[in-house]
C-alpha cells in the first residue's frame, strides 16, 4: 500500500538543462512549496481572484509554478510565447507588466 507521504516525496518530473550534466528532479512536495511561494508573491503584488495575468517565461520549471500559482489564486492566466515581442503586449487597464 502507498501512503500519502510516499507520494509526497516521489519524483513528479525530471528535467534536463542545456547540458546533460544539468539535471533536476522535482517532487510533489517541492512543487507544492514553489507554487505556494509564487502565489504568495503574486498576492503581495496585488493579483487577486479574477485578475488577468500574462506569463512571459521560457520552458523552465518556474513557468509551471507560475501557472499553478495563478490557478491557486483564481487569476486567469495566459502563456505568451517567447517568439512574440513583449512590446506588442497591451499595458492598459491597470495590469502588471513584469519584465
PDB file of N, CA and C in Angstrom:
ATOM      1  N   UNK A   1       0.834  -1.182   0.000  1.00  0.00           N
ATOM      2  CA  UNK A   1       0.000   0.000   0.000  1.00  0.00           C
ATOM      3  C   UNK A   1       0.879   1.245   0.000  1.00  0.00           C
ATOM      4  N   UNK A   2       0.455   2.261  -0.763  1.00  0.00           N
ATOM      5  CA  UNK A   2       1.209   3.503  -0.889  1.00  0.00           C
ATOM      6  C   UNK A   2       0.611   4.548   0.042  1.00  0.00           C
ATOM      7  N   UNK A   3       1.446   5.145   0.873  1.00  0.00           N
ATOM      8  CA  UNK A   3       0.963   6.193   1.771  1.00  0.00           C
ATOM      9  C   UNK A   3       1.079   7.554   1.088  1.00  0.00           C
ATOM     10  N   UNK A   4       0.366   8.531   1.609  1.00  0.00           N
ATOM     11  CA  UNK A   4       0.424   9.885   1.068  1.00  0.00           C
ATOM     12  C   UNK A   4       1.824  10.475   1.224  1.00  0.00           C
ATOM     13  N   UNK A   5       2.528  10.086   2.268  1.00  0.00           N
ATOM     14  CA  UNK A   5       3.886  10.575   2.471  1.00  0.00           C
ATOM     15  C   UNK A   5       4.818  10.063   1.372  1.00  0.00           C
ATOM     16  N   UNK A   6       4.609   8.809   0.944  1.00  0.00           N
ATOM     17  CA  UNK A   6       5.410   8.269  -0.154  1.00  0.00           C
ATOM     18  C   UNK A   6       5.182   9.060  -1.435  1.00  0.00           C
ATOM     19  N   UNK A   7       3.922   9.380  -1.709  1.00  0.00           N
ATOM     20  CA  UNK A   7       3.591  10.131  -2.921  1.00  0.00           C
ATOM     21  C   UNK A   7       4.178  11.528  -2.855  1.00  0.00           C
ATOM     22  N   UNK A   8       4.167  12.141  -1.667  1.00  0.00           N
ATOM     23  CA  UNK A   8       4.668  13.498  -1.480  1.00  0.00           C
ATOM     24  C   UNK A   8       6.137  13.612  -1.864  1.00  0.00           C
ATOM     25  N   UNK A   9       6.917  12.564  -1.620  1.00  0.00           N
ATOM     26  CA  UNK A   9       8.346  12.613  -1.895  1.00  0.00           C
ATOM     27  C   UNK A   9       8.744  11.927  -3.206  1.00  0.00           C
ATOM     28  N   UNK A  10       7.787  11.377  -3.929  1.00  0.00           N
ATOM     29  CA  UNK A  10       8.093  10.769  -5.227  1.00  0.00           C
ATOM     30  C   UNK A  10       8.411  11.856  -6.247  1.00  0.00           C
ATOM     31  N   UNK A  11       9.178  11.497  -7.223  1.00  0.00           N
ATOM     32  CA  UNK A  11       9.560  12.443  -8.259  1.00  0.00           C
ATOM     33  C   UNK A  11       8.377  12.697  -9.185  1.00  0.00           C
ATOM     34  N   UNK A  12       7.988  13.959  -9.321  1.00  0.00           N
ATOM     35  CA  UNK A  12       6.912  14.346 -10.216  1.00  0.00           C
ATOM     36  C   UNK A  12       7.414  14.370 -11.652  1.00  0.00           C
ATOM     37  N   UNK A  13       8.506  15.070 -11.888  1.00  0.00           N
ATOM     38  CA  UNK A  13       9.126  15.055 -13.206  1.00  0.00           C
ATOM     39  C   UNK A  13      10.594  15.396 -13.065  1.00  0.00           C
ATOM     40  N   UNK A  14      11.353  15.001 -14.051  1.00  0.00           N
ATOM     41  CA  UNK A  14      12.762  15.366 -14.064  1.00  0.00           C
ATOM     42  C   UNK A  14      13.018  16.190 -15.312  1.00  0.00           C
ATOM     43  N   UNK A  15      14.004  17.025 -15.225  1.00  0.00           N
ATOM     44  CA  UNK A  15      14.285  17.967 -16.291  1.00  0.00           C
ATOM     45  C   UNK A  15      15.768  17.965 -16.571  1.00  0.00           C
ATOM     46  N   UNK A  16      16.098  18.054 -17.844  1.00  0.00           N
ATOM     47  CA  UNK A  16      17.498  18.160 -18.245  1.00  0.00           C
ATOM     48  C   UNK A  16      17.706  19.523 -18.873  1.00  0.00           C
ATOM     49  N   UNK A  17      18.717  20.224 -18.425  1.00  0.00           N
ATOM     50  CA  UNK A  17      19.006  21.561 -18.937  1.00  0.00           C
ATOM     51  C   UNK A  17      19.686  21.515 -20.288  1.00  0.00           C
ATOM     52  N   UNK A  18      20.443  22.546 -20.580  1.00  0.00           N
ATOM     53  CA  UNK A  18      21.128  22.645 -21.864  1.00  0.00           C
ATOM     54  C   UNK A  18      22.260  21.642 -22.011  1.00  0.00           C
ATOM     55  N   UNK A  19      22.792  21.183 -20.900  1.00  0.00           N
ATOM     56  CA  UNK A  19      23.835  20.165 -20.967  1.00  0.00           C
ATOM     57  C   UNK A  19      23.373  18.944 -20.167  1.00  0.00           C
ATOM     58  N   UNK A  20      23.821  17.763 -20.553  1.00  0.00           N
ATOM     59  CA  UNK A  20      23.371  16.545 -19.872  1.00  0.00           C
ATOM     60  C   UNK A  20      23.719  16.499 -18.382  1.00  0.00           C
ATOM     61  N   UNK A  21      24.758  17.208 -17.954  1.00  0.00           N
ATOM     62  CA  UNK A  21      25.098  17.175 -16.535  1.00  0.00           C
ATOM     63  C   UNK A  21      24.245  18.145 -15.706  1.00  0.00           C
ATOM     64  N   UNK A  22      23.394  18.950 -16.352  1.00  0.00           N
ATOM     65  CA  UNK A  22      22.459  19.810 -15.624  1.00  0.00           C
ATOM     66  C   UNK A  22      21.112  19.098 -15.592  1.00  0.00           C
ATOM     67  N   UNK A  23      20.859  18.418 -14.481  1.00  0.00           N
ATOM     68  CA  UNK A  23      19.667  17.582 -14.328  1.00  0.00           C
ATOM     69  C   UNK A  23      18.970  17.960 -13.034  1.00  0.00           C
ATOM     70  N   UNK A  24      17.647  18.000 -13.067  1.00  0.00           N
ATOM     71  CA  UNK A  24      16.890  18.385 -11.884  1.00  0.00           C
ATOM     72  C   UNK A  24      15.671  17.486 -11.760  1.00  0.00           C
ATOM     73  N   UNK A  25      15.424  16.979 -10.569  1.00  0.00           N
ATOM     74  CA  UNK A  25      14.228  16.185 -10.294  1.00  0.00           C
ATOM     75  C   UNK A  25      13.384  16.959  -9.292  1.00  0.00           C
ATOM     76  N   UNK A  26      12.100  17.070  -9.578  1.00  0.00           N
ATOM     77  CA  UNK A  26      11.194  17.849  -8.734  1.00  0.00           C
ATOM     78  C   UNK A  26      10.132  16.913  -8.168  1.00  0.00           C
ATOM     79  N   UNK A  27       9.973  16.937  -6.850  1.00  0.00           N
ATOM     80  CA  UNK A  27       8.974  16.094  -6.186  1.00  0.00           C
ATOM     81  C   UNK A  27       7.674  16.878  -6.023  1.00  0.00           C
ATOM     82  N   UNK A  28       6.608  16.170  -5.676  1.00  0.00           N
ATOM     83  CA  UNK A  28       5.334  16.824  -5.414  1.00  0.00           C
ATOM     84  C   UNK A  28       5.460  17.837  -4.279  1.00  0.00           C
ATOM     85  N   UNK A  29       6.228  17.475  -3.262  1.00  0.00           N
ATOM     86  CA  UNK A  29       6.434  18.376  -2.133  1.00  0.00           C
ATOM     87  C   UNK A  29       7.132  19.661  -2.545  1.00  0.00           C
ATOM     88  N   UNK A  30       8.160  19.543  -3.378  1.00  0.00           N
ATOM     89  CA  UNK A  30       8.863  20.723  -3.866  1.00  0.00           C
ATOM     90  C   UNK A  30       7.949  21.564  -4.748  1.00  0.00           C
ATOM     91  N   UNK A  31       7.153  20.899  -5.568  1.00  0.00           N
ATOM     92  CA  UNK A  31       6.210  21.604  -6.433  1.00  0.00           C
ATOM     93  C   UNK A  31       5.233  22.417  -5.595  1.00  0.00           C
ATOM     94  N   UNK A  32       4.669  21.802  -4.575  1.00  0.00           N
ATOM     95  CA  UNK A  32       3.720  22.496  -3.704  1.00  0.00           C
ATOM     96  C   UNK A  32       4.375  23.704  -3.042  1.00  0.00           C
ATOM     97  N   UNK A  33       5.585  23.539  -2.548  1.00  0.00           N
ATOM     98  CA  UNK A  33       6.289  24.647  -1.907  1.00  0.00           C
ATOM     99  C   UNK A  33       6.536  25.807  -2.855  1.00  0.00           C
ATOM    100  N   UNK A  34       6.966  25.503  -4.069  1.00  0.00           N
ATOM    101  CA  UNK A  34       7.244  26.556  -5.052  1.00  0.00           C
ATOM    102  C   UNK A  34       5.972  27.261  -5.502  1.00  0.00           C
ATOM    103  N   UNK A  35       4.892  26.492  -5.677  1.00  0.00           N
ATOM    104  CA  UNK A  35       3.612  27.083  -6.098  1.00  0.00           C
ATOM    105  C   UNK A  35       3.082  28.008  -5.003  1.00  0.00           C
ATOM    106  N   UNK A  36       3.146  27.581  -3.753  1.00  0.00           N
ATOM    107  CA  UNK A  36       2.698  28.430  -2.637  1.00  0.00           C
ATOM    108  C   UNK A  36       3.539  29.699  -2.553  1.00  0.00           C
ATOM    109  N   UNK A  37       4.833  29.551  -2.728  1.00  0.00           N
ATOM    110  CA  UNK A  37       5.740  30.707  -2.681  1.00  0.00           C
ATOM    111  C   UNK A  37       5.415  31.697  -3.795  1.00  0.00           C
ATOM    112  N   UNK A  38       5.185  31.176  -4.992  1.00  0.00           N
ATOM    113  CA  UNK A  38       4.868  32.027  -6.138  1.00  0.00           C
ATOM    114  C   UNK A  38       3.497  32.688  -5.964  1.00  0.00           C
ATOM    115  N   UNK A  39       2.516  31.952  -5.467  1.00  0.00           N
ATOM    116  CA  UNK A  39       1.192  32.545  -5.291  1.00  0.00           C
ATOM    117  C   UNK A  39       1.221  33.624  -4.209  1.00  0.00           C
ATOM    118  N   UNK A  40       2.012  33.443  -3.161  1.00  0.00           N
ATOM    119  CA  UNK A  40       2.150  34.489  -2.145  1.00  0.00           C
ATOM    120  C   UNK A  40       2.791  35.743  -2.727  1.00  0.00           C
ATOM    121  N   UNK A  41       3.775  35.561  -3.586  1.00  0.00           N
ATOM    122  CA  UNK A  41       4.425  36.705  -4.237  1.00  0.00           C
ATOM    123  C   UNK A  41       3.431  37.444  -5.123  1.00  0.00           C
ATOM    124  N   UNK A  42       2.651  36.691  -5.901  1.00  0.00           N
ATOM    125  CA  UNK A  42       1.656  37.329  -6.761  1.00  0.00           C
ATOM    126  C   UNK A  42       0.623  38.085  -5.933  1.00  0.00           C
ATOM    127  N   UNK A  43       0.194  37.501  -4.818  1.00  0.00           N
ATOM    128  CA  UNK A  43      -0.777  38.181  -3.944  1.00  0.00           C
ATOM    129  C   UNK A  43      -0.187  39.452  -3.352  1.00  0.00           C
ATOM    130  N   UNK A  44       1.090  39.423  -2.976  1.00  0.00           N
ATOM    131  CA  UNK A  44       1.750  40.621  -2.450  1.00  0.00           C
ATOM    132  C   UNK A  44       1.823  41.719  -3.505  1.00  0.00           C
ATOM    133  N   UNK A  45       1.884  41.303  -4.773  1.00  0.00           N
ATOM    134  CA  UNK A  45       1.914  42.270  -5.872  1.00  0.00           C
ATOM    135  C   UNK A  45       0.518  42.794  -6.207  1.00  0.00           C
ATOM    136  N   UNK A  46      -0.498  42.238  -5.569  1.00  0.00           N
ATOM    137  CA  UNK A  46      -1.858  42.725  -5.783  1.00  0.00           C
ATOM    138  C   UNK A  46      -2.708  41.887  -6.710  1.00  0.00           C
ATOM    139  N   UNK A  47      -2.229  40.750  -7.143  1.00  0.00           N
ATOM    140  CA  UNK A  47      -3.016  39.878  -8.011  1.00  0.00           C
ATOM    141  C   UNK A  47      -4.090  39.204  -7.165  1.00  0.00           C
ATOM    142  N   UNK A  48      -5.348  39.286  -7.640  1.00  0.00           N
ATOM    143  CA  UNK A  48      -6.479  38.709  -6.908  1.00  0.00           C
ATOM    144  C   UNK A  48      -7.283  37.802  -7.826  1.00  0.00           C
ATOM    145  N   UNK A  49      -8.249  37.129  -7.247  1.00  0.00           N
ATOM    146  CA  UNK A  49      -9.136  36.249  -7.993  1.00  0.00           C
ATOM    147  C   UNK A  49      -9.828  37.051  -9.093  1.00  0.00           C
ATOM    148  N   UNK A  50      -9.815  36.513 -10.299  1.00  0.00           N
ATOM    149  CA  UNK A  50     -10.445  37.166 -11.439  1.00  0.00           C
ATOM    150  C   UNK A  50      -9.526  38.068 -12.236  1.00  0.00           C
ATOM    151  N   UNK A  51      -8.348  38.411 -11.691  1.00  0.00           N
ATOM    152  CA  UNK A  51      -7.388  39.229 -12.434  1.00  0.00           C
ATOM    153  C   UNK A  51      -6.839  38.439 -13.615  1.00  0.00           C
ATOM    154  N   UNK A  52      -6.326  39.163 -14.598  1.00  0.00           N
ATOM    155  CA  UNK A  52      -5.702  38.526 -15.761  1.00  0.00           C
ATOM    156  C   UNK A  52      -4.188  38.677 -15.660  1.00  0.00           C
ATOM    157  N   UNK A  53      -3.487  37.571 -15.876  1.00  0.00           N
ATOM    158  CA  UNK A  53      -2.026  37.555 -15.776  1.00  0.00           C
ATOM    159  C   UNK A  53      -1.462  36.956 -17.063  1.00  0.00           C
ATOM    160  N   UNK A  54      -0.545  37.666 -17.700  1.00  0.00           N
ATOM    161  CA  UNK A  54       0.168  37.141 -18.860  1.00  0.00           C
ATOM    162  C   UNK A  54       1.547  36.689 -18.388  1.00  0.00           C
ATOM    163  N   UNK A  55       1.916  35.471 -18.720  1.00  0.00           N
ATOM    164  CA  UNK A  55       3.188  34.898 -18.272  1.00  0.00           C
ATOM    165  C   UNK A  55       4.129  34.829 -19.474  1.00  0.00           C
ATOM    166  N   UNK A  56       5.257  35.464 -19.348  1.00  0.00           N
ATOM    167  CA  UNK A  56       6.254  35.536 -20.410  1.00  0.00           C
ATOM    168  C   UNK A  56       7.541  34.915 -19.904  1.00  0.00           C
ATOM    169  N   UNK A  57       7.634  33.590 -19.990  1.00  0.00           N
ATOM    170  CA  UNK A  57       8.785  32.841 -19.496  1.00  0.00           C
ATOM    171  C   UNK A  57       9.160  31.754 -20.498  1.00  0.00           C
ATOM    172  N   UNK A  58      10.431  31.364 -20.511  1.00  0.00           N
ATOM    173  CA  UNK A  58      10.810  30.201 -21.330  1.00  0.00           C
ATOM    174  C   UNK A  58      10.297  28.912 -20.676  1.00  0.00           C
ATOM    175  N   UNK A  59      10.518  27.795 -21.311  1.00  0.00           N
ATOM    176  CA  UNK A  59      10.057  26.500 -20.790  1.00  0.00           C
ATOM    177  C   UNK A  59      10.978  26.038 -19.664  1.00  0.00           C
ATOM    178  N   UNK A  60      10.760  26.595 -18.488  1.00  0.00           N
ATOM    179  CA  UNK A  60      11.520  26.255 -17.290  1.00  0.00           C
ATOM    180  C   UNK A  60      10.522  25.903 -16.189  1.00  0.00           C
ATOM    181  N   UNK A  61      10.957  25.266 -15.115  1.00  0.00           N
ATOM    182  CA  UNK A  61      10.009  24.897 -14.056  1.00  0.00           C
ATOM    183  C   UNK A  61       9.221  26.081 -13.484  1.00  0.00           C
ATOM    184  N   UNK A  62       9.806  27.267 -13.484  1.00  0.00           N
ATOM    185  CA  UNK A  62       9.115  28.437 -12.954  1.00  0.00           C
ATOM    186  C   UNK A  62       7.860  28.763 -13.749  1.00  0.00           C
ATOM    187  N   UNK A  63       7.812  28.387 -15.025  1.00  0.00           N
ATOM    188  CA  UNK A  63       6.600  28.570 -15.822  1.00  0.00           C
ATOM    189  C   UNK A  63       5.466  27.743 -15.241  1.00  0.00           C
ATOM    190  N   UNK A  64       5.748  26.502 -14.893  1.00  0.00           N
ATOM    191  CA  UNK A  64       4.738  25.618 -14.294  1.00  0.00           C
ATOM    192  C   UNK A  64       4.317  26.155 -12.935  1.00  0.00           C
ATOM    193  N   UNK A  65       5.274  26.595 -12.124  1.00  0.00           N
ATOM    194  CA  UNK A  65       4.950  27.139 -10.808  1.00  0.00           C
ATOM    195  C   UNK A  65       4.013  28.336 -10.935  1.00  0.00           C
ATOM    196  N   UNK A  66       4.305  29.217 -11.885  1.00  0.00           N
ATOM    197  CA  UNK A  66       3.509  30.427 -12.057  1.00  0.00           C
ATOM    198  C   UNK A  66       2.110  30.112 -12.556  1.00  0.00           C
ATOM    199  N   UNK A  67       1.999  29.178 -13.499  1.00  0.00           N
ATOM    200  CA  UNK A  67       0.672  28.780 -13.986  1.00  0.00           C
ATOM    201  C   UNK A  67      -0.169  28.214 -12.851  1.00  0.00           C
ATOM    202  N   UNK A  68       0.395  27.321 -12.073  1.00  0.00           N
ATOM    203  CA  UNK A  68      -0.335  26.709 -10.967  1.00  0.00           C
ATOM    204  C   UNK A  68      -0.628  27.723  -9.862  1.00  0.00           C
ATOM    205  N   UNK A  69       0.264  28.686  -9.654  1.00  0.00           N
ATOM    206  CA  UNK A  69       0.027  29.728  -8.653  1.00  0.00           C
ATOM    207  C   UNK A  69      -1.156  30.603  -9.060  1.00  0.00           C
ATOM    208  N   UNK A  70      -1.243  30.940 -10.335  1.00  0.00           N
ATOM    209  CA  UNK A  70      -2.383  31.723 -10.817  1.00  0.00           C
ATOM    210  C   UNK A  70      -3.677  30.946 -10.625  1.00  0.00           C
ATOM    211  N   UNK A  71      -3.648  29.662 -10.914  1.00  0.00           N
ATOM    212  CA  UNK A  71      -4.825  28.821 -10.725  1.00  0.00           C
ATOM    213  C   UNK A  71      -5.197  28.748  -9.250  1.00  0.00           C
ATOM    214  N   UNK A  72      -4.207  28.656  -8.398  1.00  0.00           N
ATOM    215  CA  UNK A  72      -4.447  28.585  -6.957  1.00  0.00           C
ATOM    216  C   UNK A  72      -5.126  29.860  -6.442  1.00  0.00           C
ATOM    217  N   UNK A  73      -4.714  31.007  -6.974  1.00  0.00           N
ATOM    218  CA  UNK A  73      -5.303  32.286  -6.581  1.00  0.00           C
ATOM    219  C   UNK A  73      -6.694  32.461  -7.197  1.00  0.00           C
ATOM    220  N   UNK A  74      -6.862  31.939  -8.401  1.00  0.00           N
ATOM    221  CA  UNK A  74      -8.109  32.152  -9.132  1.00  0.00           C
ATOM    222  C   UNK A  74      -7.957  33.211 -10.207  1.00  0.00           C
ATOM    223  N   UNK A  75      -6.707  33.555 -10.521  1.00  0.00           N
ATOM    224  CA  UNK A  75      -6.431  34.529 -11.572  1.00  0.00           C
ATOM    225  C   UNK A  75      -6.382  33.805 -12.921  1.00  0.00           C
ATOM    226  N   UNK A  76      -6.925  34.453 -13.930  1.00  0.00           N
ATOM    227  CA  UNK A  76      -6.893  33.899 -15.282  1.00  0.00           C
ATOM    228  C   UNK A  76      -5.499  34.160 -15.849  1.00  0.00           C
ATOM    229  N   UNK A  77      -4.869  33.133 -16.389  1.00  0.00           N
ATOM    230  CA  UNK A  77      -3.523  33.313 -16.921  1.00  0.00           C
ATOM    231  C   UNK A  77      -3.458  32.889 -18.371  1.00  0.00           C
ATOM    232  N   UNK A  78      -2.548  33.511 -19.092  1.00  0.00           N
ATOM    233  CA  UNK A  78      -2.263  33.075 -20.451  1.00  0.00           C
ATOM    234  C   UNK A  78      -0.751  33.089 -20.640  1.00  0.00           C
ATOM    235  N   UNK A  79      -0.285  32.147 -21.414  1.00  0.00           N
ATOM    236  CA  UNK A  79       1.146  31.992 -21.654  1.00  0.00           C
ATOM    237  C   UNK A  79       1.493  32.712 -22.951  1.00  0.00           C
ATOM    238  N   UNK A  80       2.476  33.570 -22.899  1.00  0.00           N
ATOM    239  CA  UNK A  80       2.933  34.297 -24.078  1.00  0.00           C
ATOM    240  C   UNK A  80       4.200  33.619 -24.558  1.00  0.00           C
ATOM    241  N   UNK A  81       4.210  33.166 -25.794  1.00  0.00           N
ATOM    242  CA  UNK A  81       5.394  32.517 -26.353  1.00  0.00           C
ATOM    243  C   UNK A  81       6.551  33.491 -26.469  1.00  0.00           C
ATOM    244  N   UNK A  82       7.752  32.993 -26.328  1.00  0.00           N
ATOM    245  CA  UNK A  82       8.923  33.863 -26.365  1.00  0.00           C
ATOM    246  C   UNK A  82       9.196  34.436 -27.747  1.00  0.00           C
ATOM    247  N   UNK A  83       8.518  33.915 -28.760  1.00  0.00           N
ATOM    248  CA  UNK A  83       8.728  34.466 -30.099  1.00  0.00           C
ATOM    249  C   UNK A  83       7.935  35.756 -30.295  1.00  0.00           C
ATOM    250  N   UNK A  84       6.956  36.010 -29.421  1.00  0.00           N
ATOM    251  CA  UNK A  84       6.168  37.235 -29.504  1.00  0.00           C
ATOM    252  C   UNK A  84       6.932  38.369 -28.835  1.00  0.00           C
ATOM    253  N   UNK A  85       6.966  39.492 -29.482  1.00  0.00           N
ATOM    254  CA  UNK A  85       7.666  40.641 -28.904  1.00  0.00           C
ATOM    255  C   UNK A  85       6.890  41.150 -27.711  1.00  0.00           C
ATOM    256  N   UNK A  86       7.574  41.369 -26.614  1.00  0.00           N
ATOM    257  CA  UNK A  86       6.919  41.839 -25.402  1.00  0.00           C
ATOM    258  C   UNK A  86       6.356  43.246 -25.601  1.00  0.00           C
ATOM    259  N   UNK A  87       6.906  44.009 -26.534  1.00  0.00           N
ATOM    260  CA  UNK A  87       6.406  45.364 -26.802  1.00  0.00           C
ATOM    261  C   UNK A  87       4.998  45.346 -27.378  1.00  0.00           C
ATOM    262  N   UNK A  88       4.566  44.223 -27.925  1.00  0.00           N
ATOM    263  CA  UNK A  88       3.238  44.134 -28.517  1.00  0.00           C
ATOM    264  C   UNK A  88       2.146  43.833 -27.495  1.00  0.00           C
ATOM    265  N   UNK A  89       2.528  43.510 -26.263  1.00  0.00           N
ATOM    266  CA  UNK A  89       1.541  43.194 -25.234  1.00  0.00           C
ATOM    267  C   UNK A  89       0.842  44.463 -24.772  1.00  0.00           C
ATOM    268  N   UNK A  90      -0.476  44.398 -24.581  1.00  0.00           N
ATOM    269  CA  UNK A  90      -1.181  45.587 -24.077  1.00  0.00           C
ATOM    270  C   UNK A  90      -0.796  45.873 -22.631  1.00  0.00           C
ATOM    271  N   UNK A  91      -0.706  47.118 -22.280  1.00  0.00           N
ATOM    272  CA  UNK A  91      -0.307  47.503 -20.931  1.00  0.00           C
ATOM    273  C   UNK A  91      -1.393  48.312 -20.226  1.00  0.00           C
ATOM    274  N   UNK A  92      -2.536  48.453 -20.823  1.00  0.00           N
ATOM    275  CA  UNK A  92      -3.609  49.266 -20.232  1.00  0.00           C
ATOM    276  C   UNK A  92      -4.419  48.499 -19.214  1.00  0.00           C
ATOM    277  N   UNK A  93      -5.389  49.172 -18.628  1.00  0.00           N
ATOM    278  CA  UNK A  93      -6.316  48.536 -17.720  1.00  0.00           C
ATOM    279  C   UNK A  93      -5.752  48.257 -16.343  1.00  0.00           C
ATOM    280  N   UNK A  94      -4.702  48.941 -15.949  1.00  0.00           N
ATOM    281  CA  UNK A  94      -4.159  48.754 -14.607  1.00  0.00           C
ATOM    282  C   UNK A  94      -3.497  47.399 -14.405  1.00  0.00           C
ATOM    283  N   UNK A  95      -3.051  46.774 -15.484  1.00  0.00           N
ATOM    284  CA  UNK A  95      -2.429  45.463 -15.372  1.00  0.00           C
ATOM    285  C   UNK A  95      -0.981  45.545 -14.961  1.00  0.00           C
ATOM    286  N   UNK A  96      -0.405  44.401 -14.722  1.00  0.00           N
ATOM    287  CA  UNK A  96       1.000  44.315 -14.339  1.00  0.00           C
ATOM    288  C   UNK A  96       1.820  43.913 -15.555  1.00  0.00           C
ATOM    289  N   UNK A  97       2.957  44.486 -15.713  1.00  0.00           N
ATOM    290  CA  UNK A  97       3.896  44.034 -16.734  1.00  0.00           C
ATOM    291  C   UNK A  97       5.251  43.938 -16.054  1.00  0.00           C
ATOM    292  N   UNK A  98       5.710  42.715 -15.875  1.00  0.00           N
ATOM    293  CA  UNK A  98       6.970  42.480 -15.180  1.00  0.00           C
ATOM    294  C   UNK A  98       7.981  41.978 -16.191  1.00  0.00           C
ATOM    295  N   UNK A  99       8.996  42.771 -16.495  1.00  0.00           N
ATOM    296  CA  UNK A  99       9.992  42.317 -17.476  1.00  0.00           C
ATOM    297  C   UNK A  99      10.855  41.204 -16.917  1.00  0.00           C
TER     298      UNK A  99
END
